[in-house]
Amino acid sequence: SPLGELCFGGKVSGVTMEFILLGFSELLHLRVLLFFTFLIVHLVTLAGNMMVFIAVVMEPSRPPMLFFLGQLSAVELCYTLVVVPKALLSLAVGGSPISMPGCAAQMHFFVALGGAECFLLAAMAYDRYVAVCQPLRYAALMGEGLCLRLALACALGAFAVALGLTVAVFRLPFCQPRRIDHFFCDVPAVLHLACAQGYAAELALLAACVLLLLLPFLLILASYLCIAVALLGVTSPVGRGKAFSTCISHLAITLLHYGCATFIYIRPKSSYSPARDKVVSLVYTNVTPLMYPLIYSLRNKEIRGILRKMLRRKKIGELGYYQSCDVCVW
């Protein structure tokens, strides 16, 4: 078919346009344990990020950092839903087929959401820069309109780059057998199946890494260099500690996200290791999204305050319900 010729270099027909996700086929004896472990982690991750997102949405007056935390939680919710359900299915049945359009869609959304997270982290770093270095102009500079435009630019930019990368990858010819030694359609794992010679297959990934990883990282680095210079001029240890505490949660999230992403994507194709990549992928698709709500809750006073208010409202509602029941009984 024309679609098959476009996506597989004209070497296969539309009938065989699918991949096999091997998942954790080498750990079949641990399949049940891994399945329930991943399921519990996935459900806790969804609950934690959903709690943060709802807390932000229910807050009528949202400062910019709270707005960006809500966006980040929404991205993490979608991020895990793109990858983990298919991984759980692969564990349940011992490897699962995925169609070429399905694999391309999963890759596109995974890269787009990961890229949007990088851009959001850069926007949050700029917010911290304005809060620390220009506190008197913070309200004027970080208005609601600018925050909305930044969030929209993060999403559109990431989705555009991810679309270009996905099209470039799936225009390559793939060798038989098309077995992906991974639990989802990650870019290095799919590129490993490409029959293209030389570095042509890696150019699109390199360009995407520059736009989605290096560019936001440089913006984050520039923001924190300016913050560090500003803190050097603060003589009060209390003031310096307060300024640093506003940045610590963002720094922790940035280190978690960039540490895993750099290890996986910024390296030559020749150093690809399926077993090692799957372990690191488990971290940034399961453990890292699980850690984010904990970091928000422990380090962000606005989130802690909103969560306390939500708990108080729930207790008041339950108390009112029990009191009404007592009236009914009497």
Protein backbone atom coordinates (compact mmCIF):
# COMPACT_ATOMS: atom_id res chain seq x y z
CA SER A 1 0.00 0.00 0.00
CA PRO A 2 1.15 3.65 -0.42
CA LEU A 3 1.22 4.09 3.36
CA GLY A 4 3.36 0.98 3.77
CA GLU A 5 5.77 2.17 1.07
CA LEU A 6 6.06 5.59 2.74
CA CYS A 7 6.67 4.33 6.23
CA PHE A 8 8.78 1.22 5.60
CA GLY A 9 10.82 2.30 2.61
CA GLY A 10 8.63 0.36 0.18
CA LYS A 11 9.87 -3.01 1.51
CA VAL A 12 6.75 -4.36 3.19
CA SER A 13 3.07 -4.49 2.48
CA GLY A 14 0.26 -3.06 4.57
CA VAL A 15 -0.52 -6.53 5.91
CA THR A 16 2.63 -6.78 8.05
CA MET A 17 2.80 -3.16 9.23
CA GLU A 18 3.19 -3.86 12.93
CA PHE A 19 5.84 -4.22 15.62
CA ILE A 20 6.12 -6.60 18.54
CA LEU A 21 6.85 -5.01 21.92
CA LEU A 22 8.91 -7.62 23.76
CA GLY A 23 8.56 -5.81 27.08
CA PHE A 24 10.13 -7.84 29.90
CA SER A 25 10.15 -11.18 28.10
CA GLU A 26 13.46 -12.11 29.77
CA LEU A 27 11.76 -11.82 33.19
CA LEU A 28 8.75 -14.07 32.64
CA HIS A 29 9.20 -15.70 36.05
CA LEU A 30 8.64 -12.27 37.67
CA ARG A 31 5.73 -11.28 35.44
CA VAL A 32 3.04 -11.33 38.14
CA LEU A 33 5.18 -9.44 40.67
CA LEU A 34 6.19 -6.81 38.09
CA PHE A 35 2.61 -6.42 36.88
CA PHE A 36 1.16 -5.66 40.31
CA THR A 37 4.14 -3.50 41.29
CA PHE A 38 3.77 -1.35 38.16
CA LEU A 39 0.00 -1.25 38.55
CA ILE A 40 0.19 0.02 42.13
CA VAL A 41 2.88 2.60 41.24
CA HIS A 42 0.79 3.72 38.25
CA LEU A 43 -2.38 4.15 40.30
CA VAL A 44 -0.54 6.06 43.05
CA THR A 45 1.10 8.27 40.40
CA LEU A 46 -2.25 9.04 38.79
CA ALA A 47 -3.82 9.77 42.18
CA GLY A 48 -0.96 12.05 43.26
CA ASN A 49 -0.81 14.09 40.07
CA MET A 50 -4.60 14.26 39.86
CA MET A 51 -4.70 15.54 43.45
CA VAL A 52 -2.20 18.31 42.64
CA PHE A 53 -4.03 19.22 39.44
CA ILE A 54 -7.43 19.40 41.17
CA ALA A 55 -5.91 21.41 44.03
CA VAL A 56 -4.56 23.97 41.53
CA VAL A 57 -7.82 24.13 39.56
CA MET A 58 -9.89 24.67 42.72
CA GLU A 59 -7.71 27.57 43.87
CA PRO A 60 -9.35 30.81 42.61
CA SER A 61 -6.23 32.99 42.89
CA ARG A 62 -3.34 31.07 41.35
CA PRO A 63 0.16 32.58 41.41
CA PRO A 64 2.24 31.79 38.29
CA MET A 65 4.27 29.00 39.90
CA LEU A 66 1.05 27.29 41.01
CA PHE A 67 -0.34 27.64 37.47
CA PHE A 68 2.76 25.99 36.01
CA LEU A 69 2.63 23.21 38.61
CA GLY A 70 -0.93 22.48 37.50
CA GLN A 71 0.22 22.31 33.87
CA LEU A 72 3.11 20.03 34.84
CA SER A 73 0.77 17.68 36.71
CA ALA A 74 -1.55 17.49 33.67
CA VAL A 75 1.45 16.67 31.46
CA GLU A 76 2.57 13.94 33.88
CA LEU A 77 -0.93 12.43 33.92
CA CYS A 78 -0.96 12.16 30.12
CA TYR A 79 2.71 11.11 30.03
CA THR A 80 2.12 8.02 32.16
CA LEU A 81 -1.16 7.14 30.42
CA VAL A 82 0.62 7.08 27.05
CA VAL A 83 3.17 4.48 28.19
CA VAL A 84 2.15 2.48 31.25
CA PRO A 85 -1.15 0.83 30.14
CA LYS A 86 0.56 -0.73 27.11
CA ALA A 87 3.47 -1.82 29.31
CA LEU A 88 1.03 -3.47 31.73
CA LEU A 89 -0.64 -5.26 28.82
CA SER A 90 2.75 -6.46 27.63
CA LEU A 91 3.46 -7.85 31.10
CA ALA A 92 0.07 -9.52 31.27
CA VAL A 93 0.33 -11.36 27.93
CA GLY A 94 4.12 -11.65 27.59
CA GLY A 95 4.79 -9.27 24.70
CA SER A 96 2.17 -7.47 22.66
CA PRO A 97 1.83 -6.41 19.01
CA ILE A 98 1.40 -2.76 18.15
CA SER A 99 0.45 -1.42 14.74
CA MET A 100 2.70 1.00 12.88
CA PRO A 101 0.23 3.93 13.33
CA GLY A 102 -0.19 2.98 17.00
CA CYS A 103 3.58 2.89 17.53
CA ALA A 104 3.99 6.23 15.74
CA ALA A 105 1.21 7.81 17.81
CA GLN A 106 2.69 6.52 21.07
CA MET A 107 6.14 7.84 20.12
CA HIS A 108 4.73 11.21 19.06
CA PHE A 109 2.74 11.80 22.25
CA PHE A 110 5.55 10.53 24.48
CA VAL A 111 8.13 12.85 22.89
CA ALA A 112 5.66 15.76 22.74
CA LEU A 113 4.69 15.48 26.41
CA GLY A 114 8.32 15.03 27.48
CA GLY A 115 9.29 18.07 25.42
CA ALA A 116 6.41 20.12 26.82
CA GLU A 117 7.69 19.25 30.30
CA CYS A 118 11.17 20.55 29.37
CA PHE A 119 9.69 23.81 28.08
CA LEU A 120 7.50 24.14 31.18
CA LEU A 121 10.55 23.67 33.40
CA ALA A 122 12.23 26.50 31.48
CA ALA A 123 9.14 28.71 31.97
CA MET A 124 9.16 27.89 35.69
CA ALA A 125 12.87 28.78 35.87
CA TYR A 126 12.08 32.17 34.31
CA ASP A 127 9.31 32.63 36.88
CA ARG A 128 11.81 31.92 39.69
CA TYR A 129 14.27 34.36 38.11
CA VAL A 130 11.68 37.16 38.09
CA ALA A 131 10.57 36.32 41.66
CA VAL A 132 14.12 36.45 43.05
CA CYS A 133 15.81 39.07 40.86
CA GLN A 134 12.91 41.46 40.19
CA PRO A 135 10.46 40.97 43.07
CA LEU A 136 8.94 44.46 42.82
CA ARG A 137 7.99 43.89 39.17
CA TYR A 138 6.92 40.27 39.62
CA ALA A 139 3.16 40.89 39.51
CA ALA A 140 3.48 43.11 36.42
CA LEU A 141 5.84 40.82 34.50
CA MET A 142 4.25 37.44 35.33
CA GLY A 143 0.64 38.26 34.54
CA GLU A 144 -2.02 35.70 33.72
CA GLY A 145 -1.83 36.50 30.01
CA LEU A 146 1.91 35.82 29.84
CA CYS A 147 1.51 32.55 31.75
CA LEU A 148 -1.18 31.34 29.35
CA ARG A 149 0.93 32.30 26.32
CA LEU A 150 3.96 30.52 27.77
CA ALA A 151 1.95 27.35 28.46
CA LEU A 152 0.48 27.40 24.93
CA ALA A 153 3.91 27.97 23.38
CA CYS A 154 5.33 25.05 25.39
CA ALA A 155 2.62 22.69 24.15
CA LEU A 156 2.63 23.78 20.49
CA GLY A 157 6.43 23.88 20.23
CA ALA A 158 6.85 20.43 21.74
CA PHE A 159 4.10 18.87 19.61
CA ALA A 160 5.57 20.39 16.42
CA VAL A 161 9.09 19.07 17.13
CA ALA A 162 7.71 15.65 18.13
CA LEU A 163 5.70 15.43 14.91
CA GLY A 164 8.79 16.17 12.82
CA LEU A 165 10.83 13.57 14.70
CA THR A 166 8.12 10.90 14.41
CA VAL A 167 7.70 11.44 10.66
CA ALA A 168 11.47 11.30 10.16
CA VAL A 169 11.81 8.04 12.14
CA PHE A 170 8.92 6.24 10.42
CA ARG A 171 10.11 7.18 6.93
CA LEU A 172 13.14 4.93 7.52
CA PRO A 173 13.21 1.33 6.24
CA PHE A 174 13.02 -1.24 9.06
CA CYS A 175 14.72 -4.63 9.14
CA GLN A 176 13.04 -7.93 9.91
CA PRO A 177 12.08 -9.10 12.46
CA ARG A 178 10.44 -5.92 13.76
CA ARG A 179 10.72 -6.83 17.43
CA ILE A 180 11.16 -3.82 19.75
CA ASP A 181 13.13 -4.85 22.83
CA HIS A 182 11.30 -2.38 25.03
CA PHE A 183 7.93 -1.93 26.74
CA PHE A 184 6.91 1.04 24.57
CA CYS A 185 7.88 2.68 21.27
CA ASP A 186 10.80 4.74 22.50
CA VAL A 187 12.86 6.50 19.85
CA PRO A 188 16.24 4.73 20.41
CA ALA A 189 14.55 1.31 20.50
CA VAL A 190 12.73 1.92 17.18
CA LEU A 191 15.81 3.50 15.57
CA HIS A 192 17.75 0.36 16.47
CA LEU A 193 15.58 -1.52 13.95
CA ALA A 194 16.29 0.93 11.11
CA CYS A 195 18.28 -0.42 8.15
CA ALA A 196 19.64 3.01 7.20
CA GLN A 197 23.42 3.28 7.03
CA GLY A 198 25.55 6.01 8.62
CA TYR A 199 24.23 8.75 10.85
CA ALA A 200 21.17 9.71 8.77
CA ALA A 201 18.82 7.90 11.17
CA GLU A 202 20.24 9.82 14.15
CA LEU A 203 20.10 13.34 12.69
CA ALA A 204 16.39 13.81 13.42
CA LEU A 205 16.87 12.64 17.02
CA LEU A 206 19.86 14.96 17.41
CA ALA A 207 17.85 17.93 16.12
CA ALA A 208 14.97 17.08 18.47
CA CYS A 209 17.38 16.79 21.43
CA VAL A 210 18.81 20.23 20.64
CA LEU A 211 15.33 21.80 20.51
CA LEU A 212 13.62 19.89 23.33
CA LEU A 213 16.50 19.26 25.74
CA LEU A 214 19.47 21.56 25.11
CA LEU A 215 17.57 24.79 24.41
CA PRO A 216 15.34 24.62 27.55
CA PHE A 217 18.34 23.50 29.61
CA LEU A 218 20.34 26.55 28.52
CA LEU A 219 17.40 28.80 29.46
CA ILE A 220 17.15 27.11 32.87
CA LEU A 221 20.91 27.42 33.36
CA ALA A 222 20.86 31.12 32.43
CA SER A 223 17.98 31.76 34.86
CA TYR A 224 19.77 30.07 37.76
CA LEU A 225 23.06 31.81 36.98
CA CYS A 226 21.22 35.13 37.27
CA ILE A 227 19.60 33.94 40.51
CA ALA A 228 22.99 32.87 41.90
CA VAL A 229 24.50 36.26 41.06
CA ALA A 230 21.53 38.01 42.74
CA LEU A 231 21.87 35.84 45.86
CA LEU A 232 25.54 36.75 46.18
CA GLY A 233 24.40 40.31 46.85
CA VAL A 234 22.02 39.25 49.64
CA THR A 235 23.80 39.70 52.97
CA SER A 236 21.08 38.23 55.19
CA PRO A 237 21.30 34.42 55.61
CA VAL A 238 17.54 34.35 56.21
CA GLY A 239 16.82 36.20 52.98
CA ARG A 240 19.23 33.98 51.03
CA GLY A 241 17.69 30.84 52.50
CA LYS A 242 14.17 32.02 51.71
CA ALA A 243 15.13 32.78 48.11
CA PHE A 244 16.82 29.40 47.72
CA SER A 245 13.83 27.55 49.22
CA THR A 246 11.59 28.94 46.46
CA CYS A 247 13.81 27.23 43.87
CA ILE A 248 14.66 23.89 45.52
CA SER A 249 11.58 21.94 44.33
CA HIS A 250 12.02 23.16 40.76
CA LEU A 251 15.72 22.22 40.86
CA ALA A 252 14.89 18.73 42.13
CA ILE A 253 12.34 18.14 39.36
CA THR A 254 14.72 19.48 36.72
CA LEU A 255 17.56 17.20 37.86
CA LEU A 256 15.27 14.14 37.85
CA HIS A 257 13.88 14.87 34.40
CA TYR A 258 17.12 15.89 32.68
CA GLY A 259 19.21 13.17 34.31
CA CYS A 260 17.15 10.36 32.75
CA ALA A 261 16.49 12.12 29.42
CA THR A 262 20.18 12.93 28.89
CA PHE A 263 21.22 9.34 29.60
CA ILE A 264 18.72 7.90 27.10
CA TYR A 265 18.76 10.34 24.20
CA ILE A 266 22.08 12.22 24.09
CA ARG A 267 24.41 9.44 22.99
CA PRO A 268 25.39 7.60 19.77
CA LYS A 269 23.30 4.73 18.41
CA SER A 270 26.25 2.35 18.86
CA SER A 271 25.98 2.59 22.68
CA TYR A 272 22.35 1.37 22.69
CA SER A 273 21.73 -1.27 25.38
CA PRO A 274 18.14 -2.64 25.59
CA ALA A 275 18.40 -3.97 29.16
CA ARG A 276 19.96 -0.78 30.53
CA ASP A 277 17.54 1.45 28.62
CA LYS A 278 14.53 -0.41 29.97
CA VAL A 279 15.72 0.09 33.55
CA VAL A 280 16.25 3.84 33.04
CA SER A 281 12.92 4.09 31.19
CA LEU A 282 11.21 2.48 34.18
CA VAL A 283 12.58 5.29 36.31
CA TYR A 284 11.41 8.19 34.16
CA THR A 285 8.05 6.67 33.22
CA ASN A 286 7.11 5.35 36.68
CA VAL A 287 9.33 6.55 39.53
CA THR A 288 9.90 10.15 38.40
CA PRO A 289 6.18 10.97 37.88
CA LEU A 290 5.52 9.37 41.27
CA MET A 291 8.12 11.63 42.92
CA TYR A 292 6.77 14.89 41.49
CA PRO A 293 3.63 15.17 43.68
CA LEU A 294 5.74 14.31 46.75
CA ILE A 295 8.19 17.09 45.91
CA TYR A 296 5.34 19.56 45.31
CA SER A 297 3.63 18.63 48.56
CA LEU A 298 6.74 18.72 50.72
CA ARG A 299 8.42 21.82 49.28
CA ASN A 300 5.64 24.09 47.96
CA LYS A 301 3.77 25.95 50.69
CA GLU A 302 0.92 26.95 48.34
CA ILE A 303 0.23 23.31 47.47
CA ARG A 304 0.41 22.31 51.14
CA GLY A 305 -2.03 25.08 52.05
CA ILE A 306 -4.50 24.10 49.32
CA LEU A 307 -4.34 20.43 50.27
CA ARG A 308 -5.00 21.31 53.93
CA LYS A 309 -8.03 23.37 52.87
CA MET A 310 -9.31 20.46 50.76
CA LEU A 311 -8.98 18.10 53.73
CA ARG A 312 -10.79 20.56 56.01
CA ARG A 313 -13.63 20.90 53.50
CA LYS A 314 -13.91 17.12 53.28
CA LYS A 315 -14.03 16.78 57.08
CA ILE A 316 -16.64 19.54 57.37
CA GLY A 317 -18.70 17.86 54.65
CA GLU A 318 -18.52 14.49 56.39
CA LEU A 319 -19.43 16.08 59.72
CA GLY A 320 -22.42 17.80 58.14
CA TYR A 321 -23.51 14.52 56.54
CA TYR A 322 -23.36 12.64 59.86
CA GLN A 323 -25.24 15.41 61.64
CA SER A 324 -28.00 15.33 59.02
CA CYS A 325 -28.21 11.56 59.42
CA ASP A 326 -28.62 11.95 63.19
CA VAL A 327 -31.45 14.43 62.62
CA CYS A 328 -33.13 11.99 60.26
CA VAL A 329 -32.86 9.18 62.82
CA TRP A 330 -34.40 11.33 65.55
